[in-house]
Amino acid sequence: MAITGIEMSFLKSRVARRVFGLFVFCALIPLLALSGFSFLFVSSELEDQANRRLRQPCKAKGFEIYEHLLFLETELKMIASDLQEGIPESITLVPYASDKGAGSRFRSLVLVERDGSIRNIMGGIRPVPQPTEPERTHLETGNTLVMTRPDAPFDAVYMARLSDPEVPSSPLLLAEVNPVYLWGVGSEGSLRPEVEMLIQDRSNRVLISSLPV
């Protein structure tokens, strides 16, 4: 009976209540603080890991697209070299097959004269994007230009080069790039299934997106 009396009267003593309160303060407050810091640290670490993992496929995809642009530039140079020997009447467009890696890397190809007249080589481009003065200067130094235009279709990307880089007044060889080849759409292992893709140009215009925009 005496023990029961002590148990029942434990919290009735002011000293006992203070000791109990001090115990709760010393035990629970550090525990709550530790839980809070752990939650913030773990959340930040998980977010950093997710960002690092996301940057890896993004970087790999960027190198893949850059490699495709180099192949496109090489093909455009070869076409320009062939055109210096004479413009063919027509070129057959073979649809690009991503699973086989074969077919035309360009949708269409035209020659644009200095006076603005256009001659279709294969397919046709409407409307024909016109390079700005800085872009024209870039072309006249023998470089290749990649263009996008706000008034063009959603996924339109163009590549341009002078038909004869040594002659600044030579016609402009303008090609519309096949987006299936450029972006690697449908290529096996291009991106993990859970990764969405959105690519923008310098003006933040969406060129291709796997998300609704």
N, C-alpha and C. Protein backbone atom coordinates (compact mmCIF):
# COMPACT_ATOMS: atom_id res chain seq x y z
N MET A 1 0.83 -1.21 0.00
CA MET A 1 0.00 0.00 0.00
C MET A 1 0.86 1.25 0.00
N ALA A 2 1.99 1.20 0.68
CA ALA A 2 2.87 2.36 0.75
C ALA A 2 3.46 2.70 -0.62
N ILE A 3 3.80 1.66 -1.35
CA ILE A 3 4.37 1.89 -2.69
C ILE A 3 3.35 2.53 -3.60
N THR A 4 2.10 2.07 -3.50
CA THR A 4 1.03 2.65 -4.31
C THR A 4 0.84 4.11 -3.97
N GLY A 5 0.94 4.44 -2.73
CA GLY A 5 0.77 5.82 -2.32
C GLY A 5 1.87 6.70 -2.89
N ILE A 6 3.09 6.19 -2.93
CA ILE A 6 4.21 6.96 -3.50
C ILE A 6 4.00 7.17 -5.00
N GLU A 7 3.55 6.10 -5.70
CA GLU A 7 3.32 6.22 -7.14
C GLU A 7 2.22 7.24 -7.43
N MET A 8 1.18 7.25 -6.68
CA MET A 8 0.06 8.14 -6.93
C MET A 8 0.41 9.59 -6.62
N SER A 9 1.34 9.78 -5.67
CA SER A 9 1.65 11.16 -5.25
C SER A 9 2.90 11.71 -5.92
N PHE A 10 3.42 11.02 -6.97
CA PHE A 10 4.68 11.44 -7.57
C PHE A 10 4.58 12.84 -8.19
N LEU A 11 3.56 13.07 -9.02
CA LEU A 11 3.44 14.34 -9.72
C LEU A 11 2.75 15.42 -8.88
N LYS A 12 2.38 15.08 -7.66
CA LYS A 12 1.76 16.10 -6.80
C LYS A 12 2.81 16.97 -6.13
N SER A 13 4.05 16.53 -6.13
CA SER A 13 5.14 17.30 -5.54
C SER A 13 5.68 18.29 -6.57
N ARG A 14 5.92 19.52 -6.13
CA ARG A 14 6.44 20.55 -7.03
C ARG A 14 7.84 20.19 -7.54
N VAL A 15 8.64 19.65 -6.66
CA VAL A 15 9.99 19.24 -7.06
C VAL A 15 9.94 18.13 -8.10
N ALA A 16 9.02 17.18 -7.86
CA ALA A 16 8.89 16.07 -8.80
C ALA A 16 8.43 16.56 -10.17
N ARG A 17 7.50 17.52 -10.17
CA ARG A 17 7.03 18.05 -11.44
C ARG A 17 8.15 18.78 -12.18
N ARG A 18 8.98 19.50 -11.45
CA ARG A 18 10.09 20.20 -12.07
C ARG A 18 11.11 19.22 -12.63
N VAL A 19 11.39 18.17 -11.86
CA VAL A 19 12.32 17.16 -12.35
C VAL A 19 11.78 16.49 -13.61
N PHE A 20 10.49 16.18 -13.58
CA PHE A 20 9.87 15.54 -14.76
C PHE A 20 9.89 16.48 -15.96
N GLY A 21 9.57 17.75 -15.71
CA GLY A 21 9.59 18.72 -16.81
C GLY A 21 10.98 18.92 -17.36
N LEU A 22 11.98 18.96 -16.47
CA LEU A 22 13.36 19.09 -16.93
C LEU A 22 13.78 17.88 -17.75
N PHE A 23 13.32 16.71 -17.34
CA PHE A 23 13.62 15.49 -18.10
C PHE A 23 13.01 15.55 -19.50
N VAL A 24 11.76 15.97 -19.56
CA VAL A 24 11.09 16.08 -20.87
C VAL A 24 11.80 17.10 -21.74
N PHE A 25 12.16 18.25 -21.14
CA PHE A 25 12.83 19.31 -21.91
C PHE A 25 14.17 18.83 -22.44
N CYS A 26 14.95 18.17 -21.58
CA CYS A 26 16.29 17.72 -21.96
C CYS A 26 16.25 16.55 -22.96
N ALA A 27 15.19 15.77 -22.93
CA ALA A 27 15.12 14.59 -23.80
C ALA A 27 14.42 14.90 -25.13
N LEU A 28 13.28 15.56 -25.05
CA LEU A 28 12.48 15.75 -26.25
C LEU A 28 12.97 16.88 -27.14
N ILE A 29 13.38 18.00 -26.56
CA ILE A 29 13.80 19.14 -27.37
C ILE A 29 15.00 18.80 -28.24
N PRO A 30 16.08 18.21 -27.71
CA PRO A 30 17.19 17.82 -28.60
C PRO A 30 16.77 16.80 -29.65
N LEU A 31 15.87 15.89 -29.23
CA LEU A 31 15.41 14.88 -30.18
C LEU A 31 14.64 15.53 -31.34
N LEU A 32 13.78 16.50 -31.02
CA LEU A 32 13.04 17.21 -32.06
C LEU A 32 13.97 18.01 -32.96
N ALA A 33 14.96 18.67 -32.32
CA ALA A 33 15.91 19.45 -33.10
C ALA A 33 16.72 18.55 -34.03
N LEU A 34 17.17 17.41 -33.49
CA LEU A 34 17.93 16.46 -34.31
C LEU A 34 17.09 15.92 -35.46
N SER A 35 15.81 15.65 -35.19
CA SER A 35 14.92 15.16 -36.24
C SER A 35 14.74 16.21 -37.33
N GLY A 36 14.59 17.48 -36.90
CA GLY A 36 14.42 18.55 -37.89
C GLY A 36 15.65 18.72 -38.76
N PHE A 37 16.83 18.78 -38.15
CA PHE A 37 18.07 18.91 -38.92
C PHE A 37 18.27 17.71 -39.84
N SER A 38 17.97 16.51 -39.35
CA SER A 38 18.12 15.31 -40.17
C SER A 38 17.19 15.36 -41.37
N PHE A 39 15.95 15.81 -41.14
CA PHE A 39 14.99 15.88 -42.24
C PHE A 39 15.47 16.86 -43.31
N LEU A 40 15.94 18.05 -42.88
CA LEU A 40 16.41 19.05 -43.84
C LEU A 40 17.65 18.56 -44.58
N PHE A 41 18.58 17.95 -43.86
CA PHE A 41 19.82 17.49 -44.48
C PHE A 41 19.55 16.35 -45.46
N VAL A 42 18.74 15.39 -45.06
CA VAL A 42 18.44 14.24 -45.92
C VAL A 42 17.67 14.70 -47.16
N SER A 43 16.72 15.61 -46.98
CA SER A 43 15.96 16.11 -48.14
C SER A 43 16.87 16.81 -49.12
N SER A 44 17.78 17.65 -48.60
CA SER A 44 18.71 18.37 -49.47
C SER A 44 19.65 17.40 -50.18
N GLU A 45 20.13 16.39 -49.47
CA GLU A 45 21.04 15.41 -50.06
C GLU A 45 20.35 14.59 -51.14
N LEU A 46 19.10 14.19 -50.88
CA LEU A 46 18.35 13.43 -51.88
C LEU A 46 18.09 14.27 -53.12
N GLU A 47 17.80 15.55 -52.92
CA GLU A 47 17.56 16.44 -54.07
C GLU A 47 18.84 16.62 -54.88
N ASP A 48 19.99 16.77 -54.19
CA ASP A 48 21.26 16.90 -54.91
C ASP A 48 21.57 15.62 -55.69
N GLN A 49 21.31 14.47 -55.10
CA GLN A 49 21.55 13.21 -55.80
C GLN A 49 20.66 13.09 -57.03
N ALA A 50 19.39 13.49 -56.89
CA ALA A 50 18.47 13.43 -58.03
C ALA A 50 18.93 14.35 -59.15
N ASN A 51 19.42 15.55 -58.77
CA ASN A 51 19.90 16.50 -59.79
C ASN A 51 21.14 15.96 -60.49
N ARG A 52 22.05 15.34 -59.72
CA ARG A 52 23.25 14.78 -60.34
C ARG A 52 22.89 13.64 -61.29
N ARG A 53 21.96 12.81 -60.87
CA ARG A 53 21.54 11.70 -61.75
C ARG A 53 20.84 12.22 -62.99
N LEU A 54 20.10 13.33 -62.87
CA LEU A 54 19.42 13.89 -64.02
C LEU A 54 20.41 14.56 -64.97
N ARG A 55 21.45 15.19 -64.41
CA ARG A 55 22.43 15.85 -65.27
C ARG A 55 23.20 14.85 -66.13
N GLN A 56 23.39 13.65 -65.64
CA GLN A 56 24.13 12.65 -66.42
C GLN A 56 23.44 12.32 -67.74
N PRO A 57 22.13 11.94 -67.73
CA PRO A 57 21.49 11.68 -69.03
C PRO A 57 21.33 12.94 -69.87
N CYS A 58 21.18 14.11 -69.22
CA CYS A 58 21.07 15.36 -69.98
C CYS A 58 22.38 15.65 -70.72
N LYS A 59 23.50 15.46 -70.02
CA LYS A 59 24.80 15.68 -70.65
C LYS A 59 25.02 14.69 -71.78
N ALA A 60 24.67 13.42 -71.54
CA ALA A 60 24.84 12.41 -72.58
C ALA A 60 23.96 12.74 -73.79
N LYS A 61 22.73 13.19 -73.53
CA LYS A 61 21.83 13.56 -74.63
C LYS A 61 22.36 14.76 -75.39
N GLY A 62 22.95 15.71 -74.66
CA GLY A 62 23.53 16.88 -75.32
C GLY A 62 24.66 16.50 -76.25
N PHE A 63 25.54 15.60 -75.82
CA PHE A 63 26.63 15.13 -76.67
C PHE A 63 26.08 14.38 -77.88
N GLU A 64 25.01 13.62 -77.68
CA GLU A 64 24.41 12.88 -78.79
C GLU A 64 23.87 13.84 -79.84
N ILE A 65 23.17 14.89 -79.41
CA ILE A 65 22.62 15.87 -80.35
C ILE A 65 23.75 16.61 -81.06
N TYR A 66 24.80 16.96 -80.31
CA TYR A 66 25.95 17.64 -80.92
C TYR A 66 26.59 16.76 -81.99
N GLU A 67 26.71 15.48 -81.71
CA GLU A 67 27.27 14.54 -82.68
C GLU A 67 26.39 14.48 -83.93
N HIS A 68 25.08 14.49 -83.74
CA HIS A 68 24.16 14.48 -84.88
C HIS A 68 24.33 15.75 -85.72
N LEU A 69 24.52 16.89 -85.06
CA LEU A 69 24.72 18.14 -85.78
C LEU A 69 26.01 18.10 -86.60
N LEU A 70 27.05 17.48 -86.06
CA LEU A 70 28.29 17.35 -86.82
C LEU A 70 28.09 16.48 -88.06
N PHE A 71 27.34 15.38 -87.92
CA PHE A 71 27.05 14.53 -89.08
C PHE A 71 26.23 15.31 -90.12
N LEU A 72 25.27 16.10 -89.64
CA LEU A 72 24.45 16.89 -90.56
C LEU A 72 25.31 17.92 -91.30
N GLU A 73 26.23 18.54 -90.59
CA GLU A 73 27.12 19.52 -91.23
C GLU A 73 27.98 18.85 -92.29
N THR A 74 28.50 17.67 -91.98
CA THR A 74 29.31 16.93 -92.95
C THR A 74 28.49 16.59 -94.20
N GLU A 75 27.26 16.15 -93.98
CA GLU A 75 26.40 15.80 -95.12
C GLU A 75 26.08 17.04 -95.95
N LEU A 76 25.85 18.17 -95.28
CA LEU A 76 25.55 19.40 -96.01
C LEU A 76 26.76 19.85 -96.83
N LYS A 77 27.95 19.67 -96.29
CA LYS A 77 29.17 20.00 -97.04
C LYS A 77 29.29 19.12 -98.27
N MET A 78 28.97 17.84 -98.12
CA MET A 78 29.05 16.93 -99.26
C MET A 78 28.04 17.32 -100.33
N ILE A 79 26.83 17.70 -99.90
CA ILE A 79 25.81 18.12 -100.87
C ILE A 79 26.26 19.39 -101.57
N ALA A 80 26.84 20.34 -100.81
CA ALA A 80 27.32 21.58 -101.42
C ALA A 80 28.41 21.30 -102.45
N SER A 81 29.28 20.35 -102.12
CA SER A 81 30.34 19.99 -103.06
C SER A 81 29.76 19.38 -104.34
N ASP A 82 28.75 18.54 -104.18
CA ASP A 82 28.11 17.94 -105.35
C ASP A 82 27.39 18.99 -106.19
N LEU A 83 26.76 19.96 -105.53
CA LEU A 83 26.01 20.98 -106.26
C LEU A 83 26.92 21.89 -107.07
N GLN A 84 28.18 22.02 -106.68
CA GLN A 84 29.10 22.85 -107.46
C GLN A 84 29.35 22.25 -108.84
N GLU A 85 29.08 20.95 -108.97
CA GLU A 85 29.26 20.29 -110.26
C GLU A 85 27.98 20.31 -111.08
N GLY A 86 26.88 20.78 -110.50
CA GLY A 86 25.62 20.84 -111.22
C GLY A 86 24.46 20.46 -110.32
N ILE A 87 23.35 21.17 -110.47
CA ILE A 87 22.18 20.94 -109.64
C ILE A 87 21.37 19.79 -110.21
N PRO A 88 21.17 18.73 -109.47
CA PRO A 88 20.35 17.61 -109.98
C PRO A 88 18.89 18.04 -110.09
N GLU A 89 18.18 17.36 -110.94
CA GLU A 89 16.77 17.70 -111.13
C GLU A 89 15.95 17.38 -109.88
N SER A 90 16.24 16.28 -109.24
CA SER A 90 15.50 15.91 -108.03
C SER A 90 16.29 14.90 -107.22
N ILE A 91 16.03 14.86 -105.95
CA ILE A 91 16.63 13.89 -105.05
C ILE A 91 15.50 13.20 -104.31
N THR A 92 15.52 11.88 -104.29
CA THR A 92 14.46 11.14 -103.63
C THR A 92 14.66 11.18 -102.12
N LEU A 93 13.60 11.55 -101.40
CA LEU A 93 13.64 11.58 -99.94
C LEU A 93 13.26 10.21 -99.39
N VAL A 94 14.17 9.58 -98.70
CA VAL A 94 13.90 8.31 -98.05
C VAL A 94 13.62 8.59 -96.58
N PRO A 95 12.43 8.28 -96.06
CA PRO A 95 12.13 8.57 -94.66
C PRO A 95 13.15 7.96 -93.73
N TYR A 96 13.53 8.73 -92.71
CA TYR A 96 14.54 8.25 -91.77
C TYR A 96 13.94 7.22 -90.82
N ALA A 97 14.62 6.10 -90.66
CA ALA A 97 14.18 5.03 -89.75
C ALA A 97 15.13 5.01 -88.55
N SER A 98 14.62 5.38 -87.38
CA SER A 98 15.47 5.49 -86.20
C SER A 98 16.00 4.13 -85.75
N ASP A 99 15.21 3.08 -85.98
CA ASP A 99 15.66 1.75 -85.53
C ASP A 99 16.80 1.21 -86.38
N LYS A 100 16.86 1.64 -87.66
CA LYS A 100 17.91 1.18 -88.55
C LYS A 100 19.03 2.21 -88.72
N GLY A 101 18.74 3.45 -88.30
CA GLY A 101 19.74 4.51 -88.47
C GLY A 101 19.99 4.84 -89.92
N ALA A 102 18.98 4.69 -90.76
CA ALA A 102 19.14 4.92 -92.19
C ALA A 102 18.02 5.82 -92.70
N GLY A 103 18.29 6.45 -93.85
CA GLY A 103 17.30 7.33 -94.44
C GLY A 103 17.82 8.76 -94.50
N SER A 104 16.98 9.65 -94.97
CA SER A 104 17.38 11.05 -95.14
C SER A 104 17.41 11.78 -93.81
N ARG A 105 18.52 12.47 -93.53
CA ARG A 105 18.63 13.26 -92.31
C ARG A 105 18.03 14.65 -92.49
N PHE A 106 17.63 14.96 -93.72
CA PHE A 106 17.01 16.25 -94.01
C PHE A 106 15.59 16.02 -94.53
N ARG A 107 14.69 16.91 -94.12
CA ARG A 107 13.32 16.86 -94.64
C ARG A 107 13.25 17.45 -96.03
N SER A 108 13.96 18.55 -96.23
CA SER A 108 13.92 19.25 -97.51
C SER A 108 15.18 20.07 -97.67
N LEU A 109 15.42 20.50 -98.92
CA LEU A 109 16.65 21.21 -99.24
C LEU A 109 16.37 22.18 -100.38
N VAL A 110 16.82 23.43 -100.21
CA VAL A 110 16.60 24.44 -101.24
C VAL A 110 17.87 25.27 -101.42
N LEU A 111 17.97 25.92 -102.57
CA LEU A 111 19.02 26.90 -102.84
C LEU A 111 18.39 28.28 -102.86
N VAL A 112 18.94 29.20 -102.09
CA VAL A 112 18.41 30.56 -102.02
C VAL A 112 19.44 31.50 -102.64
N GLU A 113 19.06 32.14 -103.76
CA GLU A 113 19.96 33.08 -104.42
C GLU A 113 20.01 34.39 -103.65
N ARG A 114 21.01 35.21 -103.99
CA ARG A 114 21.16 36.51 -103.32
C ARG A 114 19.97 37.42 -103.57
N ASP A 115 19.31 37.26 -104.73
CA ASP A 115 18.15 38.10 -105.03
C ASP A 115 16.87 37.58 -104.39
N GLY A 116 16.96 36.47 -103.63
CA GLY A 116 15.79 35.93 -102.94
C GLY A 116 15.07 34.83 -103.67
N SER A 117 15.45 34.57 -104.92
CA SER A 117 14.81 33.49 -105.67
C SER A 117 15.22 32.14 -105.07
N ILE A 118 14.29 31.19 -105.17
CA ILE A 118 14.47 29.89 -104.51
C ILE A 118 14.38 28.78 -105.54
N ARG A 119 15.25 27.81 -105.41
CA ARG A 119 15.18 26.62 -106.26
C ARG A 119 15.15 25.40 -105.35
N ASN A 120 14.11 24.61 -105.50
CA ASN A 120 13.98 23.40 -104.69
C ASN A 120 14.93 22.32 -105.19
N ILE A 121 15.66 21.73 -104.27
CA ILE A 121 16.52 20.61 -104.59
C ILE A 121 15.80 19.31 -104.24
N MET A 122 15.25 19.26 -103.05
CA MET A 122 14.39 18.14 -102.68
C MET A 122 13.36 18.66 -101.69
N GLY A 123 12.12 18.25 -101.89
CA GLY A 123 11.05 18.75 -101.05
C GLY A 123 10.85 20.24 -101.27
N GLY A 124 10.56 20.95 -100.22
CA GLY A 124 10.36 22.39 -100.30
C GLY A 124 10.22 22.95 -98.90
N ILE A 125 10.67 24.18 -98.70
CA ILE A 125 10.59 24.84 -97.40
C ILE A 125 9.69 26.06 -97.53
N ARG A 126 8.64 26.11 -96.75
CA ARG A 126 7.71 27.24 -96.72
C ARG A 126 7.30 27.53 -95.29
N PRO A 127 7.51 28.77 -94.83
CA PRO A 127 8.28 29.84 -95.47
C PRO A 127 9.77 29.61 -95.32
N VAL A 128 10.54 30.22 -96.22
CA VAL A 128 12.00 30.08 -96.17
C VAL A 128 12.56 31.08 -95.16
N PRO A 129 13.21 30.62 -94.10
CA PRO A 129 13.77 31.55 -93.13
C PRO A 129 14.94 32.32 -93.72
N GLN A 130 15.01 33.61 -93.43
CA GLN A 130 16.08 34.45 -93.93
C GLN A 130 17.06 34.76 -92.81
N PRO A 131 18.36 34.55 -93.03
CA PRO A 131 19.34 34.85 -91.99
C PRO A 131 19.43 36.34 -91.73
N THR A 132 19.69 36.69 -90.49
CA THR A 132 19.91 38.10 -90.12
C THR A 132 21.29 38.53 -90.59
N GLU A 133 21.60 39.81 -90.44
CA GLU A 133 22.91 40.31 -90.87
C GLU A 133 24.05 39.63 -90.12
N PRO A 134 23.97 39.50 -88.77
CA PRO A 134 25.05 38.78 -88.09
C PRO A 134 25.17 37.32 -88.55
N GLU A 135 24.02 36.69 -88.83
CA GLU A 135 24.04 35.31 -89.31
C GLU A 135 24.64 35.23 -90.72
N ARG A 136 24.33 36.22 -91.55
CA ARG A 136 24.89 36.26 -92.89
C ARG A 136 26.41 36.42 -92.84
N THR A 137 26.88 37.26 -91.92
CA THR A 137 28.33 37.42 -91.75
C THR A 137 28.97 36.11 -91.31
N HIS A 138 28.28 35.40 -90.42
CA HIS A 138 28.77 34.10 -89.96
C HIS A 138 28.87 33.12 -91.13
N LEU A 139 27.90 33.14 -92.02
CA LEU A 139 27.91 32.25 -93.18
C LEU A 139 29.01 32.62 -94.16
N GLU A 140 29.24 33.92 -94.36
CA GLU A 140 30.22 34.37 -95.34
C GLU A 140 31.65 34.07 -94.93
N THR A 141 31.85 33.72 -93.66
CA THR A 141 33.19 33.32 -93.21
C THR A 141 33.41 31.83 -93.40
N GLY A 142 32.46 31.14 -94.07
CA GLY A 142 32.61 29.72 -94.36
C GLY A 142 32.05 28.79 -93.31
N ASN A 143 31.32 29.34 -92.34
CA ASN A 143 30.77 28.51 -91.27
C ASN A 143 29.37 28.02 -91.60
N THR A 144 28.93 27.03 -90.86
CA THR A 144 27.57 26.51 -90.99
C THR A 144 26.70 27.11 -89.91
N LEU A 145 25.45 27.39 -90.25
CA LEU A 145 24.53 28.06 -89.33
C LEU A 145 23.34 27.15 -89.03
N VAL A 146 22.99 27.06 -87.76
CA VAL A 146 21.79 26.36 -87.32
C VAL A 146 20.78 27.41 -86.92
N MET A 147 19.56 27.31 -87.47
CA MET A 147 18.55 28.34 -87.25
C MET A 147 17.23 27.73 -86.78
N THR A 148 16.49 28.52 -86.02
CA THR A 148 15.09 28.25 -85.73
C THR A 148 14.35 29.56 -85.94
N ARG A 149 13.08 29.46 -86.29
CA ARG A 149 12.31 30.67 -86.53
C ARG A 149 10.97 30.59 -85.81
N PRO A 150 10.52 31.71 -85.16
CA PRO A 150 9.25 31.69 -84.42
C PRO A 150 8.04 31.38 -85.30
N ASP A 151 8.10 31.78 -86.60
CA ASP A 151 6.95 31.57 -87.49
C ASP A 151 6.99 30.21 -88.17
N ALA A 152 8.00 29.40 -87.84
CA ALA A 152 8.12 28.07 -88.45
C ALA A 152 7.34 27.05 -87.62
N PRO A 153 7.16 25.84 -88.15
CA PRO A 153 6.47 24.80 -87.38
C PRO A 153 7.16 24.52 -86.06
N PHE A 154 6.44 23.83 -85.19
CA PHE A 154 6.86 23.60 -83.80
C PHE A 154 8.26 23.03 -83.69
N ASP A 155 8.59 22.04 -84.51
CA ASP A 155 9.86 21.34 -84.36
C ASP A 155 10.84 21.66 -85.48
N ALA A 156 10.65 22.78 -86.19
CA ALA A 156 11.49 23.09 -87.35
C ALA A 156 12.86 23.61 -86.92
N VAL A 157 13.89 22.93 -87.41
CA VAL A 157 15.27 23.36 -87.21
C VAL A 157 15.93 23.35 -88.58
N TYR A 158 16.65 24.43 -88.90
CA TYR A 158 17.25 24.57 -90.22
C TYR A 158 18.77 24.64 -90.09
N MET A 159 19.44 24.16 -91.12
CA MET A 159 20.89 24.25 -91.22
C MET A 159 21.22 24.89 -92.56
N ALA A 160 22.09 25.89 -92.52
CA ALA A 160 22.41 26.64 -93.74
C ALA A 160 23.92 26.74 -93.92
N ARG A 161 24.29 26.82 -95.20
CA ARG A 161 25.70 26.95 -95.55
C ARG A 161 25.79 27.48 -96.97
N LEU A 162 26.79 28.31 -97.24
CA LEU A 162 26.98 28.77 -98.61
C LEU A 162 27.35 27.59 -99.49
N SER A 163 26.78 27.57 -100.68
CA SER A 163 27.09 26.47 -101.60
C SER A 163 28.56 26.45 -101.98
N ASP A 164 29.18 27.63 -101.98
CA ASP A 164 30.63 27.74 -102.21
C ASP A 164 31.19 28.69 -101.15
N PRO A 165 31.72 28.16 -100.05
CA PRO A 165 32.18 29.02 -98.96
C PRO A 165 33.25 30.02 -99.36
N GLU A 166 33.97 29.74 -100.44
CA GLU A 166 35.02 30.67 -100.88
C GLU A 166 34.46 31.84 -101.66
N VAL A 167 33.17 31.77 -102.01
CA VAL A 167 32.52 32.86 -102.76
C VAL A 167 31.37 33.39 -101.92
N PRO A 168 31.54 34.52 -101.22
CA PRO A 168 30.49 35.04 -100.34
C PRO A 168 29.16 35.32 -101.03
N SER A 169 29.20 35.55 -102.35
CA SER A 169 27.97 35.85 -103.08
C SER A 169 27.28 34.60 -103.62
N SER A 170 27.80 33.42 -103.31
CA SER A 170 27.21 32.17 -103.82
C SER A 170 25.86 31.91 -103.16
N PRO A 171 25.00 31.11 -103.80
CA PRO A 171 23.68 30.82 -103.23
C PRO A 171 23.79 30.14 -101.88
N LEU A 172 22.74 30.34 -101.09
CA LEU A 172 22.68 29.74 -99.76
C LEU A 172 22.01 28.37 -99.85
N LEU A 173 22.69 27.37 -99.34
CA LEU A 173 22.14 26.02 -99.29
C LEU A 173 21.43 25.87 -97.94
N LEU A 174 20.12 25.72 -97.99
CA LEU A 174 19.31 25.70 -96.77
C LEU A 174 18.57 24.38 -96.66
N ALA A 175 18.71 23.72 -95.52
CA ALA A 175 18.07 22.42 -95.32
C ALA A 175 17.25 22.44 -94.05
N GLU A 176 16.10 21.77 -94.10
CA GLU A 176 15.29 21.56 -92.89
C GLU A 176 15.68 20.20 -92.32
N VAL A 177 16.12 20.21 -91.08
CA VAL A 177 16.63 19.00 -90.44
C VAL A 177 15.49 18.09 -90.05
N ASN A 178 15.72 16.79 -90.23
CA ASN A 178 14.74 15.79 -89.80
C ASN A 178 14.80 15.68 -88.27
N PRO A 179 13.74 16.09 -87.56
CA PRO A 179 13.79 16.09 -86.10
C PRO A 179 13.93 14.70 -85.49
N VAL A 180 13.43 13.68 -86.18
CA VAL A 180 13.56 12.31 -85.67
C VAL A 180 15.03 11.94 -85.53
N TYR A 181 15.83 12.33 -86.52
CA TYR A 181 17.27 12.05 -86.44
C TYR A 181 17.96 12.98 -85.44
N LEU A 182 17.67 14.27 -85.51
CA LEU A 182 18.38 15.24 -84.68
C LEU A 182 18.21 14.97 -83.19
N TRP A 183 16.97 14.79 -82.75
CA TRP A 183 16.72 14.61 -81.33
C TRP A 183 16.83 13.16 -80.88
N GLY A 184 16.99 12.23 -81.82
CA GLY A 184 17.10 10.83 -81.44
C GLY A 184 15.78 10.26 -80.96
N VAL A 185 14.67 10.78 -81.48
CA VAL A 185 13.36 10.29 -81.07
C VAL A 185 13.19 8.85 -81.50
N GLY A 186 12.83 8.00 -80.59
CA GLY A 186 12.61 6.59 -80.90
C GLY A 186 13.87 5.75 -80.85
N SER A 187 15.03 6.38 -80.59
CA SER A 187 16.27 5.60 -80.50
C SER A 187 16.29 4.80 -79.20
N GLU A 188 16.66 3.56 -79.29
CA GLU A 188 16.70 2.71 -78.11
C GLU A 188 17.79 3.18 -77.16
N GLY A 189 17.43 3.35 -75.89
CA GLY A 189 18.40 3.77 -74.89
C GLY A 189 18.74 5.24 -74.93
N SER A 190 18.00 6.04 -75.72
CA SER A 190 18.28 7.46 -75.81
C SER A 190 18.08 8.13 -74.45
N LEU A 191 16.97 7.85 -73.80
CA LEU A 191 16.69 8.37 -72.47
C LEU A 191 15.94 7.30 -71.69
N ARG A 192 16.10 7.35 -70.38
CA ARG A 192 15.36 6.40 -69.55
C ARG A 192 13.86 6.70 -69.67
N PRO A 193 13.01 5.68 -69.54
CA PRO A 193 11.57 5.89 -69.71
C PRO A 193 10.99 6.93 -68.76
N GLU A 194 11.56 7.04 -67.55
CA GLU A 194 10.99 7.96 -66.57
C GLU A 194 11.48 9.40 -66.76
N VAL A 195 12.40 9.63 -67.72
CA VAL A 195 12.95 10.96 -67.95
C VAL A 195 12.22 11.62 -69.10
N GLU A 196 11.65 12.80 -68.85
CA GLU A 196 11.00 13.58 -69.91
C GLU A 196 12.03 14.49 -70.57
N MET A 197 11.76 14.90 -71.81
CA MET A 197 12.71 15.73 -72.55
C MET A 197 12.03 17.00 -73.03
N LEU A 198 12.68 18.14 -72.81
CA LEU A 198 12.22 19.43 -73.31
C LEU A 198 13.45 20.21 -73.74
N ILE A 199 13.46 20.63 -75.00
CA ILE A 199 14.61 21.36 -75.56
C ILE A 199 14.11 22.71 -76.05
N GLN A 200 14.85 23.78 -75.68
CA GLN A 200 14.51 25.14 -76.06
C GLN A 200 15.66 25.77 -76.82
N ASP A 201 15.33 26.79 -77.63
CA ASP A 201 16.40 27.54 -78.30
C ASP A 201 16.80 28.73 -77.43
N ARG A 202 17.60 29.63 -77.98
CA ARG A 202 18.12 30.75 -77.19
C ARG A 202 17.03 31.69 -76.71
N SER A 203 15.91 31.76 -77.43
CA SER A 203 14.80 32.63 -77.04
C SER A 203 13.77 31.89 -76.20
N ASN A 204 14.13 30.71 -75.68
CA ASN A 204 13.26 29.88 -74.83
C ASN A 204 12.05 29.34 -75.59
N ARG A 205 12.13 29.30 -76.91
CA ARG A 205 11.07 28.69 -77.70
C ARG A 205 11.25 27.19 -77.65
N VAL A 206 10.17 26.47 -77.39
CA VAL A 206 10.23 25.02 -77.28
C VAL A 206 10.39 24.41 -78.66
N LEU A 207 11.46 23.61 -78.83
CA LEU A 207 11.69 22.94 -80.10
C LEU A 207 11.10 21.54 -80.12
N ILE A 208 11.22 20.86 -79.01
CA ILE A 208 10.63 19.54 -78.88
C ILE A 208 10.38 19.27 -77.39
N SER A 209 9.29 18.60 -77.11
CA SER A 209 8.95 18.32 -75.72
C SER A 209 8.13 17.04 -75.64
N SER A 210 8.45 16.23 -74.64
CA SER A 210 7.65 15.04 -74.37
C SER A 210 6.56 15.32 -73.34
N LEU A 211 6.48 16.59 -72.92
CA LEU A 211 5.46 17.04 -71.98
C LEU A 211 4.48 17.95 -72.69
N PRO A 212 3.23 18.03 -72.24
CA PRO A 212 2.29 18.98 -72.81
C PRO A 212 2.75 20.39 -72.53
N VAL A 213 2.80 21.24 -73.57
CA VAL A 213 3.24 22.63 -73.40
C VAL A 213 2.19 23.58 -73.93
